[in-house]
Amino acid sequence: MSVGFRPTEEDLRVIEANRREDEKTSDVIRRALRLLDREAWEERARADMHRLRSEELSAEPDAWEYDSDGNIRIAGAGLTVPARPDDQA
Protein backbone atom coordinates (compact mmCIF):
# COMPACT_ATOMS: atom_id res chain seq x y z
CA MET A 1 0.00 0.00 0.00
CA SER A 2 1.19 3.48 -0.75
CA VAL A 3 0.00 6.65 0.95
CA GLY A 4 0.26 10.07 -0.62
CA PHE A 5 1.27 12.96 1.60
CA ARG A 6 1.73 16.57 0.60
CA PRO A 7 3.36 18.28 3.56
CA THR A 8 2.65 21.89 4.36
CA GLU A 9 5.48 24.26 5.16
CA GLU A 10 4.81 23.68 8.85
CA ASP A 11 4.90 19.89 8.32
CA LEU A 12 8.28 20.22 6.59
CA ARG A 13 9.58 22.40 9.42
CA VAL A 14 8.53 19.80 12.01
CA ILE A 15 10.03 16.95 9.98
CA GLU A 16 13.34 18.76 9.57
CA ALA A 17 13.46 19.84 13.20
CA ASN A 18 12.98 16.23 14.34
CA ARG A 19 15.02 14.36 11.74
CA ARG A 20 17.79 12.23 13.24
CA GLU A 21 21.13 11.68 11.58
CA ASP A 22 20.85 9.40 8.52
CA GLU A 23 17.04 9.44 8.75
CA LYS A 24 14.81 9.81 5.70
CA THR A 25 11.53 11.70 5.72
CA SER A 26 9.63 8.40 5.71
CA ASP A 27 11.57 7.32 8.82
CA VAL A 28 10.55 10.51 10.63
CA ILE A 29 6.91 9.96 9.67
CA ARG A 30 7.06 6.30 10.79
CA ARG A 31 8.51 7.40 14.13
CA ALA A 32 5.73 9.96 14.47
CA LEU A 33 3.14 7.26 13.75
CA ARG A 34 4.64 5.07 16.51
CA LEU A 35 4.42 8.02 18.89
CA LEU A 36 0.80 8.56 17.89
CA ASP A 37 0.09 4.89 18.55
CA ARG A 38 1.80 5.17 21.95
CA GLU A 39 -0.31 8.24 22.75
CA ALA A 40 -3.51 6.32 21.93
CA TRP A 41 -2.32 3.40 24.09
CA GLU A 42 -1.67 5.79 26.99
CA GLU A 43 -5.14 7.32 26.62
CA ARG A 44 -6.71 3.83 26.77
CA ALA A 45 -4.55 2.97 29.79
CA ARG A 46 -5.62 6.15 31.59
CA ALA A 47 -9.27 5.36 30.85
CA ASP A 48 -8.77 1.87 32.26
CA MET A 49 -7.06 3.29 35.35
CA HIS A 50 -9.97 5.66 35.88
CA ARG A 51 -12.51 2.87 35.35
CA LEU A 52 -10.68 0.51 37.73
CA ARG A 53 -9.69 3.10 40.35
CA SER A 54 -11.82 1.46 43.04
CA GLU A 55 -10.62 -2.08 42.30
CA GLU A 56 -9.22 -3.66 45.47
CA LEU A 57 -6.35 -5.97 44.57
CA SER A 58 -4.99 -6.50 48.08
CA ALA A 59 -7.76 -9.02 48.79
CA GLU A 60 -6.78 -11.19 45.81
CA PRO A 61 -4.11 -13.91 46.09
CA ASP A 62 -0.76 -13.16 44.53
CA ALA A 63 -0.16 -14.68 41.10
CA TRP A 64 3.55 -15.15 41.83
CA GLU A 65 6.09 -15.07 44.64
CA TYR A 66 9.83 -15.23 45.15
CA ASP A 67 11.31 -18.39 46.63
CA SER A 68 14.28 -18.38 49.04
CA ASP A 69 16.74 -18.52 46.11
CA GLY A 70 15.24 -15.47 44.37
CA ASN A 71 13.44 -17.52 41.70
CA ILE A 72 9.93 -16.50 40.70
CA ARG A 73 7.32 -19.16 41.45
CA ILE A 74 4.06 -18.87 39.44
CA ALA A 75 1.13 -19.69 41.74
CA GLY A 76 -1.04 -22.60 40.66
CA ALA A 77 1.03 -23.38 37.60
CA GLY A 78 3.88 -25.41 39.04
CA LEU A 79 6.30 -23.16 37.14
CA THR A 80 9.40 -21.46 38.43
CA VAL A 81 11.34 -18.82 36.53
CA PRO A 82 15.02 -18.90 37.52
CA ALA A 83 16.49 -15.69 38.83
CA ARG A 84 19.01 -13.99 36.58
CA PRO A 85 22.56 -13.76 37.92
CA ASP A 86 22.25 -9.93 37.95
CA ASP A 87 19.15 -10.21 40.19
CA GLN A 88 21.01 -12.13 42.89
CA ALA A 89 23.61 -9.47 43.61
PDB file of N, CA and C in Angstrom:
ATOM      1  N   MET A   1       0.843  -1.165   0.000  1.00  0.00           N
ATOM      2  CA  MET A   1       0.000   0.000   0.000  1.00  0.00           C
ATOM      3  C   MET A   1       0.895   1.237   0.000  1.00  0.00           C
ATOM      4  N   SER A   2       0.471   2.222  -0.698  1.00  0.00           N
ATOM      5  CA  SER A   2       1.193   3.482  -0.748  1.00  0.00           C
ATOM      6  C   SER A   2       0.247   4.582  -0.291  1.00  0.00           C
ATOM      7  N   VAL A   3       0.799   5.538   0.448  1.00  0.00           N
ATOM      8  CA  VAL A   3       0.000   6.647   0.954  1.00  0.00           C
ATOM      9  C   VAL A   3       0.607   7.940   0.442  1.00  0.00           C
ATOM     10  N   GLY A   4      -0.209   8.776  -0.154  1.00  0.00           N
ATOM     11  CA  GLY A   4       0.261  10.073  -0.616  1.00  0.00           C
ATOM     12  C   GLY A   4       0.214  11.085   0.518  1.00  0.00           C
ATOM     13  N   PHE A   5       1.202  11.956   0.552  1.00  0.00           N
ATOM     14  CA  PHE A   5       1.269  12.959   1.603  1.00  0.00           C
ATOM     15  C   PHE A   5       1.910  14.202   1.026  1.00  0.00           C
ATOM     16  N   ARG A   6       1.183  15.296   1.072  1.00  0.00           N
ATOM     17  CA  ARG A   6       1.727  16.570   0.604  1.00  0.00           C
ATOM     18  C   ARG A   6       1.917  17.468   1.824  1.00  0.00           C
ATOM     19  N   PRO A   7       3.138  17.514   2.341  1.00  0.00           N
ATOM     20  CA  PRO A   7       3.363  18.278   3.564  1.00  0.00           C
ATOM     21  C   PRO A   7       3.239  19.781   3.351  1.00  0.00           C
ATOM     22  N   THR A   8       2.698  20.428   4.356  1.00  0.00           N
ATOM     23  CA  THR A   8       2.654  21.891   4.363  1.00  0.00           C
ATOM     24  C   THR A   8       4.037  22.398   4.770  1.00  0.00           C
ATOM     25  N   GLU A   9       4.215  23.686   4.717  1.00  0.00           N
ATOM     26  CA  GLU A   9       5.484  24.258   5.164  1.00  0.00           C
ATOM     27  C   GLU A   9       5.729  23.937   6.633  1.00  0.00           C
ATOM     28  N   GLU A  10       4.683  24.001   7.418  1.00  0.00           N
ATOM     29  CA  GLU A  10       4.810  23.675   8.846  1.00  0.00           C
ATOM     30  C   GLU A  10       5.175  22.208   9.041  1.00  0.00           C
ATOM     31  N   ASP A  11       4.559  21.314   8.255  1.00  0.00           N
ATOM     32  CA  ASP A  11       4.900  19.895   8.320  1.00  0.00           C
ATOM     33  C   ASP A  11       6.381  19.687   8.021  1.00  0.00           C
ATOM     34  N   LEU A  12       6.865  20.343   6.968  1.00  0.00           N
ATOM     35  CA  LEU A  12       8.278  20.224   6.591  1.00  0.00           C
ATOM     36  C   LEU A  12       9.189  20.753   7.690  1.00  0.00           C
ATOM     37  N   ARG A  13       8.782  21.840   8.323  1.00  0.00           N
ATOM     38  CA  ARG A  13       9.581  22.396   9.422  1.00  0.00           C
ATOM     39  C   ARG A  13       9.676  21.399  10.563  1.00  0.00           C
ATOM     40  N   VAL A  14       8.543  20.774  10.917  1.00  0.00           N
ATOM     41  CA  VAL A  14       8.526  19.802  12.008  1.00  0.00           C
ATOM     42  C   VAL A  14       9.371  18.574  11.649  1.00  0.00           C
ATOM     43  N   ILE A  15       9.245  18.106  10.426  1.00  0.00           N
ATOM     44  CA  ILE A  15      10.030  16.954   9.977  1.00  0.00           C
ATOM     45  C   ILE A  15      11.519  17.253  10.069  1.00  0.00           C
ATOM     46  N   GLU A  16      11.918  18.393   9.549  1.00  0.00           N
ATOM     47  CA  GLU A  16      13.337  18.756   9.568  1.00  0.00           C
ATOM     48  C   GLU A  16      13.853  18.969  10.987  1.00  0.00           C
ATOM     49  N   ALA A  17      13.041  19.568  11.826  1.00  0.00           N
ATOM     50  CA  ALA A  17      13.457  19.837  13.202  1.00  0.00           C
ATOM     51  C   ALA A  17      13.625  18.549  14.005  1.00  0.00           C
ATOM     52  N   ASN A  18      12.950  17.480  13.582  1.00  0.00           N
ATOM     53  CA  ASN A  18      12.982  16.232  14.342  1.00  0.00           C
ATOM     54  C   ASN A  18      13.701  15.094  13.627  1.00  0.00           C
ATOM     55  N   ARG A  19      14.302  15.386  12.498  1.00  0.00           N
ATOM     56  CA  ARG A  19      15.025  14.364  11.743  1.00  0.00           C
ATOM     57  C   ARG A  19      16.310  14.006  12.493  1.00  0.00           C
ATOM     58  N   ARG A  20      16.543  12.711  12.645  1.00  0.00           N
ATOM     59  CA  ARG A  20      17.786  12.231  13.243  1.00  0.00           C
ATOM     60  C   ARG A  20      18.819  12.009  12.144  1.00  0.00           C
ATOM     61  N   GLU A  21      20.066  11.894  12.543  1.00  0.00           N
ATOM     62  CA  GLU A  21      21.132  11.683  11.580  1.00  0.00           C
ATOM     63  C   GLU A  21      20.852  10.426  10.750  1.00  0.00           C
ATOM     64  N   ASP A  22      21.062  10.503   9.459  1.00  0.00           N
ATOM     65  CA  ASP A  22      20.851   9.397   8.519  1.00  0.00           C
ATOM     66  C   ASP A  22      19.393   8.940   8.448  1.00  0.00           C
ATOM     67  N   GLU A  23      18.458   9.802   8.785  1.00  0.00           N
ATOM     68  CA  GLU A  23      17.041   9.440   8.753  1.00  0.00           C
ATOM     69  C   GLU A  23      16.371  10.090   7.543  1.00  0.00           C
ATOM     70  N   LYS A  24      15.572   9.294   6.839  1.00  0.00           N
ATOM     71  CA  LYS A  24      14.814   9.809   5.702  1.00  0.00           C
ATOM     72  C   LYS A  24      13.490  10.369   6.208  1.00  0.00           C
ATOM     73  N   THR A  25      12.831  11.124   5.360  1.00  0.00           N
ATOM     74  CA  THR A  25      11.532  11.696   5.716  1.00  0.00           C
ATOM     75  C   THR A  25      10.554  10.596   6.111  1.00  0.00           C
ATOM     76  N   SER A  26      10.552   9.499   5.372  1.00  0.00           N
ATOM     77  CA  SER A  26       9.631   8.403   5.706  1.00  0.00           C
ATOM     78  C   SER A  26       9.931   7.820   7.078  1.00  0.00           C
ATOM     79  N   ASP A  27      11.209   7.810   7.484  1.00  0.00           N
ATOM     80  CA  ASP A  27      11.570   7.321   8.816  1.00  0.00           C
ATOM     81  C   ASP A  27      11.008   8.232   9.906  1.00  0.00           C
ATOM     82  N   VAL A  28      11.085   9.538   9.667  1.00  0.00           N
ATOM     83  CA  VAL A  28      10.548  10.510  10.630  1.00  0.00           C
ATOM     84  C   VAL A  28       9.036  10.318  10.767  1.00  0.00           C
ATOM     85  N   ILE A  29       8.365  10.141   9.643  1.00  0.00           N
ATOM     86  CA  ILE A  29       6.910   9.958   9.666  1.00  0.00           C
ATOM     87  C   ILE A  29       6.553   8.651  10.361  1.00  0.00           C
ATOM     88  N   ARG A  30       7.312   7.579  10.104  1.00  0.00           N
ATOM     89  CA  ARG A  30       7.057   6.302  10.787  1.00  0.00           C
ATOM     90  C   ARG A  30       7.230   6.454  12.297  1.00  0.00           C
ATOM     91  N   ARG A  31       8.285   7.166  12.704  1.00  0.00           N
ATOM     92  CA  ARG A  31       8.511   7.398  14.131  1.00  0.00           C
ATOM     93  C   ARG A  31       7.358   8.186  14.740  1.00  0.00           C
ATOM     94  N   ALA A  32       6.867   9.164  14.001  1.00  0.00           N
ATOM     95  CA  ALA A  32       5.729   9.959  14.470  1.00  0.00           C
ATOM     96  C   ALA A  32       4.481   9.091  14.603  1.00  0.00           C
ATOM     97  N   LEU A  33       4.292   8.158  13.663  1.00  0.00           N
ATOM     98  CA  LEU A  33       3.143   7.260  13.751  1.00  0.00           C
ATOM     99  C   LEU A  33       3.245   6.362  14.978  1.00  0.00           C
ATOM    100  N   ARG A  34       4.452   5.897  15.300  1.00  0.00           N
ATOM    101  CA  ARG A  34       4.642   5.073  16.507  1.00  0.00           C
ATOM    102  C   ARG A  34       4.316   5.893  17.761  1.00  0.00           C
ATOM    103  N   LEU A  35       4.733   7.146  17.752  1.00  0.00           N
ATOM    104  CA  LEU A  35       4.419   8.015  18.894  1.00  0.00           C
ATOM    105  C   LEU A  35       2.916   8.244  19.013  1.00  0.00           C
ATOM    106  N   LEU A  36       2.245   8.404  17.892  1.00  0.00           N
ATOM    107  CA  LEU A  36       0.798   8.559  17.892  1.00  0.00           C
ATOM    108  C   LEU A  36       0.125   7.306  18.434  1.00  0.00           C
ATOM    109  N   ASP A  37       0.626   6.146  18.040  1.00  0.00           N
ATOM    110  CA  ASP A  37       0.093   4.886  18.546  1.00  0.00           C
ATOM    111  C   ASP A  37       0.317   4.776  20.054  1.00  0.00           C
ATOM    112  N   ARG A  38       1.491   5.184  20.511  1.00  0.00           N
ATOM    113  CA  ARG A  38       1.799   5.171  21.948  1.00  0.00           C
ATOM    114  C   ARG A  38       0.858   6.118  22.706  1.00  0.00           C
ATOM    115  N   GLU A  39       0.609   7.279  22.134  1.00  0.00           N
ATOM    116  CA  GLU A  39      -0.307   8.244  22.751  1.00  0.00           C
ATOM    117  C   GLU A  39      -1.702   7.647  22.894  1.00  0.00           C
ATOM    118  N   ALA A  40      -2.182   6.957  21.868  1.00  0.00           N
ATOM    119  CA  ALA A  40      -3.506   6.321  21.925  1.00  0.00           C
ATOM    120  C   ALA A  40      -3.520   5.227  22.978  1.00  0.00           C
ATOM    121  N   TRP A  41      -2.422   4.443  23.074  1.00  0.00           N
ATOM    122  CA  TRP A  41      -2.322   3.397  24.087  1.00  0.00           C
ATOM    123  C   TRP A  41      -2.386   4.013  25.487  1.00  0.00           C
ATOM    124  N   GLU A  42      -1.670   5.122  25.692  1.00  0.00           N
ATOM    125  CA  GLU A  42      -1.673   5.789  26.991  1.00  0.00           C
ATOM    126  C   GLU A  42      -3.065   6.315  27.342  1.00  0.00           C
ATOM    127  N   GLU A  43      -3.776   6.841  26.369  1.00  0.00           N
ATOM    128  CA  GLU A  43      -5.141   7.316  26.619  1.00  0.00           C
ATOM    129  C   GLU A  43      -6.037   6.161  27.052  1.00  0.00           C
ATOM    130  N   ARG A  44      -5.919   5.002  26.380  1.00  0.00           N
ATOM    131  CA  ARG A  44      -6.707   3.828  26.771  1.00  0.00           C
ATOM    132  C   ARG A  44      -6.316   3.359  28.167  1.00  0.00           C
ATOM    133  N   ALA A  45      -5.014   3.382  28.463  1.00  0.00           N
ATOM    134  CA  ALA A  45      -4.545   2.971  29.786  1.00  0.00           C
ATOM    135  C   ALA A  45      -5.087   3.899  30.870  1.00  0.00           C
ATOM    136  N   ARG A  46      -5.074   5.197  30.605  1.00  0.00           N
ATOM    137  CA  ARG A  46      -5.619   6.148  31.586  1.00  0.00           C
ATOM    138  C   ARG A  46      -7.113   5.933  31.792  1.00  0.00           C
ATOM    139  N   ALA A  47      -7.836   5.645  30.723  1.00  0.00           N
ATOM    140  CA  ALA A  47      -9.275   5.364  30.845  1.00  0.00           C
ATOM    141  C   ALA A  47      -9.490   4.111  31.679  1.00  0.00           C
ATOM    142  N   ASP A  48      -8.661   3.088  31.460  1.00  0.00           N
ATOM    143  CA  ASP A  48      -8.769   1.869  32.264  1.00  0.00           C
ATOM    144  C   ASP A  48      -8.447   2.149  33.725  1.00  0.00           C
ATOM    145  N   MET A  49      -7.411   2.953  33.974  1.00  0.00           N
ATOM    146  CA  MET A  49      -7.057   3.289  35.354  1.00  0.00           C
ATOM    147  C   MET A  49      -8.209   4.014  36.034  1.00  0.00           C
ATOM    148  N   HIS A  50      -8.834   4.921  35.320  1.00  0.00           N
ATOM    149  CA  HIS A  50      -9.968   5.658  35.883  1.00  0.00           C
ATOM    150  C   HIS A  50     -11.137   4.704  36.166  1.00  0.00           C
ATOM    151  N   ARG A  51     -11.406   3.811  35.205  1.00  0.00           N
ATOM    152  CA  ARG A  51     -12.513   2.868  35.350  1.00  0.00           C
ATOM    153  C   ARG A  51     -12.265   1.889  36.503  1.00  0.00           C
ATOM    154  N   LEU A  52     -11.011   1.523  36.718  1.00  0.00           N
ATOM    155  CA  LEU A  52     -10.678   0.509  37.727  1.00  0.00           C
ATOM    156  C   LEU A  52     -10.148   1.118  39.028  1.00  0.00           C
ATOM    157  N   ARG A  53     -10.301   2.427  39.198  1.00  0.00           N
ATOM    158  CA  ARG A  53      -9.694   3.103  40.349  1.00  0.00           C
ATOM    159  C   ARG A  53     -10.157   2.567  41.688  1.00  0.00           C
ATOM    160  N   SER A  54     -11.332   1.979  41.768  1.00  0.00           N
ATOM    161  CA  SER A  54     -11.824   1.462  43.044  1.00  0.00           C
ATOM    162  C   SER A  54     -11.579  -0.041  43.195  1.00  0.00           C
ATOM    163  N   GLU A  55     -10.898  -0.648  42.222  1.00  0.00           N
ATOM    164  CA  GLU A  55     -10.616  -2.078  42.302  1.00  0.00           C
ATOM    165  C   GLU A  55      -9.675  -2.354  43.475  1.00  0.00           C
ATOM    166  N   GLU A  56     -10.000  -3.321  44.286  1.00  0.00           N
ATOM    167  CA  GLU A  56      -9.221  -3.658  45.473  1.00  0.00           C
ATOM    168  C   GLU A  56      -8.436  -4.946  45.212  1.00  0.00           C
ATOM    169  N   LEU A  57      -7.164  -4.811  44.908  1.00  0.00           N
ATOM    170  CA  LEU A  57      -6.353  -5.970  44.574  1.00  0.00           C
ATOM    171  C   LEU A  57      -5.713  -6.632  45.786  1.00  0.00           C
ATOM    172  N   SER A  58      -5.662  -5.940  46.906  1.00  0.00           N
ATOM    173  CA  SER A  58      -4.987  -6.502  48.077  1.00  0.00           C
ATOM    174  C   SER A  58      -5.719  -7.721  48.629  1.00  0.00           C
ATOM    175  N   ALA A  59      -6.992  -7.875  48.310  1.00  0.00           N
ATOM    176  CA  ALA A  59      -7.758  -9.021  48.789  1.00  0.00           C
ATOM    177  C   ALA A  59      -7.563 -10.256  47.906  1.00  0.00           C
ATOM    178  N   GLU A  60      -6.974 -10.068  46.721  1.00  0.00           N
ATOM    179  CA  GLU A  60      -6.775 -11.190  45.807  1.00  0.00           C
ATOM    180  C   GLU A  60      -5.446 -11.878  46.100  1.00  0.00           C
ATOM    181  N   PRO A  61      -5.386 -13.211  45.881  1.00  0.00           N
ATOM    182  CA  PRO A  61      -4.112 -13.914  46.094  1.00  0.00           C
ATOM    183  C   PRO A  61      -3.079 -13.481  45.055  1.00  0.00           C
ATOM    184  N   ASP A  62      -1.823 -13.515  45.451  1.00  0.00           N
ATOM    185  CA  ASP A  62      -0.755 -13.161  44.525  1.00  0.00           C
ATOM    186  C   ASP A  62      -0.641 -14.211  43.432  1.00  0.00           C
ATOM    187  N   ALA A  63      -0.326 -13.778  42.234  1.00  0.00           N
ATOM    188  CA  ALA A  63      -0.165 -14.681  41.099  1.00  0.00           C
ATOM    189  C   ALA A  63       1.251 -15.267  41.059  1.00  0.00           C
ATOM    190  N   TRP A  64       2.180 -14.668  41.804  1.00  0.00           N
ATOM    191  CA  TRP A  64       3.555 -15.145  41.835  1.00  0.00           C
ATOM    192  C   TRP A  64       4.193 -14.737  43.146  1.00  0.00           C
ATOM    193  N   GLU A  65       5.317 -15.400  43.436  1.00  0.00           N
ATOM    194  CA  GLU A  65       6.085 -15.072  44.641  1.00  0.00           C
ATOM    195  C   GLU A  65       7.538 -15.452  44.407  1.00  0.00           C
ATOM    196  N   TYR A  66       8.422 -14.869  45.204  1.00  0.00           N
ATOM    197  CA  TYR A  66       9.829 -15.232  45.151  1.00  0.00           C
ATOM    198  C   TYR A  66      10.063 -16.395  46.108  1.00  0.00           C
ATOM    199  N   ASP A  67      10.925 -17.354  45.695  1.00  0.00           N
ATOM    200  CA  ASP A  67      11.312 -18.395  46.633  1.00  0.00           C
ATOM    201  C   ASP A  67      12.586 -17.949  47.352  1.00  0.00           C
ATOM    202  N   SER A  68      13.116 -18.770  48.221  1.00  0.00           N
ATOM    203  CA  SER A  68      14.277 -18.381  49.035  1.00  0.00           C
ATOM    204  C   SER A  68      15.545 -18.167  48.202  1.00  0.00           C
ATOM    205  N   ASP A  69      15.578 -18.702  46.983  1.00  0.00           N
ATOM    206  CA  ASP A  69      16.741 -18.517  46.105  1.00  0.00           C
ATOM    207  C   ASP A  69      16.581 -17.342  45.154  1.00  0.00           C
ATOM    208  N   GLY A  70      15.469 -16.616  45.244  1.00  0.00           N
ATOM    209  CA  GLY A  70      15.235 -15.473  44.370  1.00  0.00           C
ATOM    210  C   GLY A  70      14.564 -15.834  43.065  1.00  0.00           C
ATOM    211  N   ASN A  71      14.185 -17.102  42.887  1.00  0.00           N
ATOM    212  CA  ASN A  71      13.441 -17.522  41.700  1.00  0.00           C
ATOM    213  C   ASN A  71      12.002 -17.061  41.818  1.00  0.00           C
ATOM    214  N   ILE A  72      11.329 -16.925  40.697  1.00  0.00           N
ATOM    215  CA  ILE A  72       9.931 -16.504  40.700  1.00  0.00           C
ATOM    216  C   ILE A  72       9.065 -17.745  40.521  1.00  0.00           C
ATOM    217  N   ARG A  73       8.212 -18.005  41.500  1.00  0.00           N
ATOM    218  CA  ARG A  73       7.316 -19.159  41.448  1.00  0.00           C
ATOM    219  C   ARG A  73       5.928 -18.662  41.037  1.00  0.00           C
ATOM    220  N   ILE A  74       5.375 -19.248  39.948  1.00  0.00           N
ATOM    221  CA  ILE A  74       4.057 -18.872  39.442  1.00  0.00           C
ATOM    222  C   ILE A  74       3.016 -19.691  40.186  1.00  0.00           C
ATOM    223  N   ALA A  75       2.133 -19.014  40.906  1.00  0.00           N
ATOM    224  CA  ALA A  75       1.134 -19.691  41.739  1.00  0.00           C
ATOM    225  C   ALA A  75       0.175 -20.516  40.889  1.00  0.00           C
ATOM    226  N   GLY A  76      -0.066 -21.749  41.316  1.00  0.00           N
ATOM    227  CA  GLY A  76      -1.045 -22.599  40.665  1.00  0.00           C
ATOM    228  C   GLY A  76      -0.619 -23.185  39.337  1.00  0.00           C
ATOM    229  N   ALA A  77       0.601 -22.897  38.902  1.00  0.00           N
ATOM    230  CA  ALA A  77       1.030 -23.382  37.598  1.00  0.00           C
ATOM    231  C   ALA A  77       2.157 -24.404  37.707  1.00  0.00           C
ATOM    232  N   GLY A  78       2.757 -24.504  38.879  1.00  0.00           N
ATOM    233  CA  GLY A  78       3.882 -25.409  39.038  1.00  0.00           C
ATOM    234  C   GLY A  78       5.105 -24.967  38.253  1.00  0.00           C
ATOM    235  N   LEU A  79       5.177 -23.698  37.907  1.00  0.00           N
ATOM    236  CA  LEU A  79       6.298 -23.165  37.137  1.00  0.00           C
ATOM    237  C   LEU A  79       7.163 -22.268  38.008  1.00  0.00           C
ATOM    238  N   THR A  80       8.467 -22.343  37.762  1.00  0.00           N
ATOM    239  CA  THR A  80       9.398 -21.460  38.425  1.00  0.00           C
ATOM    240  C   THR A  80      10.305 -20.842  37.378  1.00  0.00           C
ATOM    241  N   VAL A  81      10.455 -19.547  37.441  1.00  0.00           N
ATOM    242  CA  VAL A  81      11.338 -18.819  36.530  1.00  0.00           C
ATOM    243  C   VAL A  81      12.626 -18.559  37.294  1.00  0.00           C
ATOM    244  N   PRO A  82      13.754 -19.102  36.797  1.00  0.00           N
ATOM    245  CA  PRO A  82      15.016 -18.904  37.517  1.00  0.00           C
ATOM    246  C   PRO A  82      15.420 -17.436  37.567  1.00  0.00           C
ATOM    247  N   ALA A  83      15.984 -17.055  38.690  1.00  0.00           N
ATOM    248  CA  ALA A  83      16.489 -15.690  38.835  1.00  0.00           C
ATOM    249  C   ALA A  83      17.682 -15.500  37.916  1.00  0.00           C
ATOM    250  N   ARG A  84      17.845 -14.298  37.393  1.00  0.00           N
ATOM    251  CA  ARG A  84      19.010 -13.987  36.578  1.00  0.00           C
ATOM    252  C   ARG A  84      20.187 -13.724  37.498  1.00  0.00           C
ATOM    253  N   PRO A  85      21.384 -14.002  37.055  1.00  0.00           N
ATOM    254  CA  PRO A  85      22.565 -13.759  37.919  1.00  0.00           C
ATOM    255  C   PRO A  85      22.613 -12.304  38.411  1.00  0.00           C
ATOM    256  N   ASP A  86      22.213 -11.347  37.557  1.00  0.00           N
ATOM    257  CA  ASP A  86      22.247  -9.932  37.954  1.00  0.00           C
ATOM    258  C   ASP A  86      21.253  -9.646  39.076  1.00  0.00           C
ATOM    259  N   ASP A  87      20.172 -10.440  39.178  1.00  0.00           N
ATOM    260  CA  ASP A  87      19.146 -10.206  40.193  1.00  0.00           C
ATOM    261  C   ASP A  87      19.561 -10.707  41.560  1.00  0.00           C
ATOM    262  N   GLN A  88      20.597 -11.533  41.623  1.00  0.00           N
ATOM    263  CA  GLN A  88      21.008 -12.130  42.893  1.00  0.00           C
ATOM    264  C   GLN A  88      22.150 -11.389  43.552  1.00  0.00           C
ATOM    265  N   ALA A  89      22.487 -10.230  43.033  1.00  0.00           N
ATOM    266  CA  ALA A  89      23.613  -9.465  43.608  1.00  0.00           C
ATOM    267  C   ALA A  89      23.217  -8.799  44.895  1.00  0.00           C
TER     268      ALA A  89
END
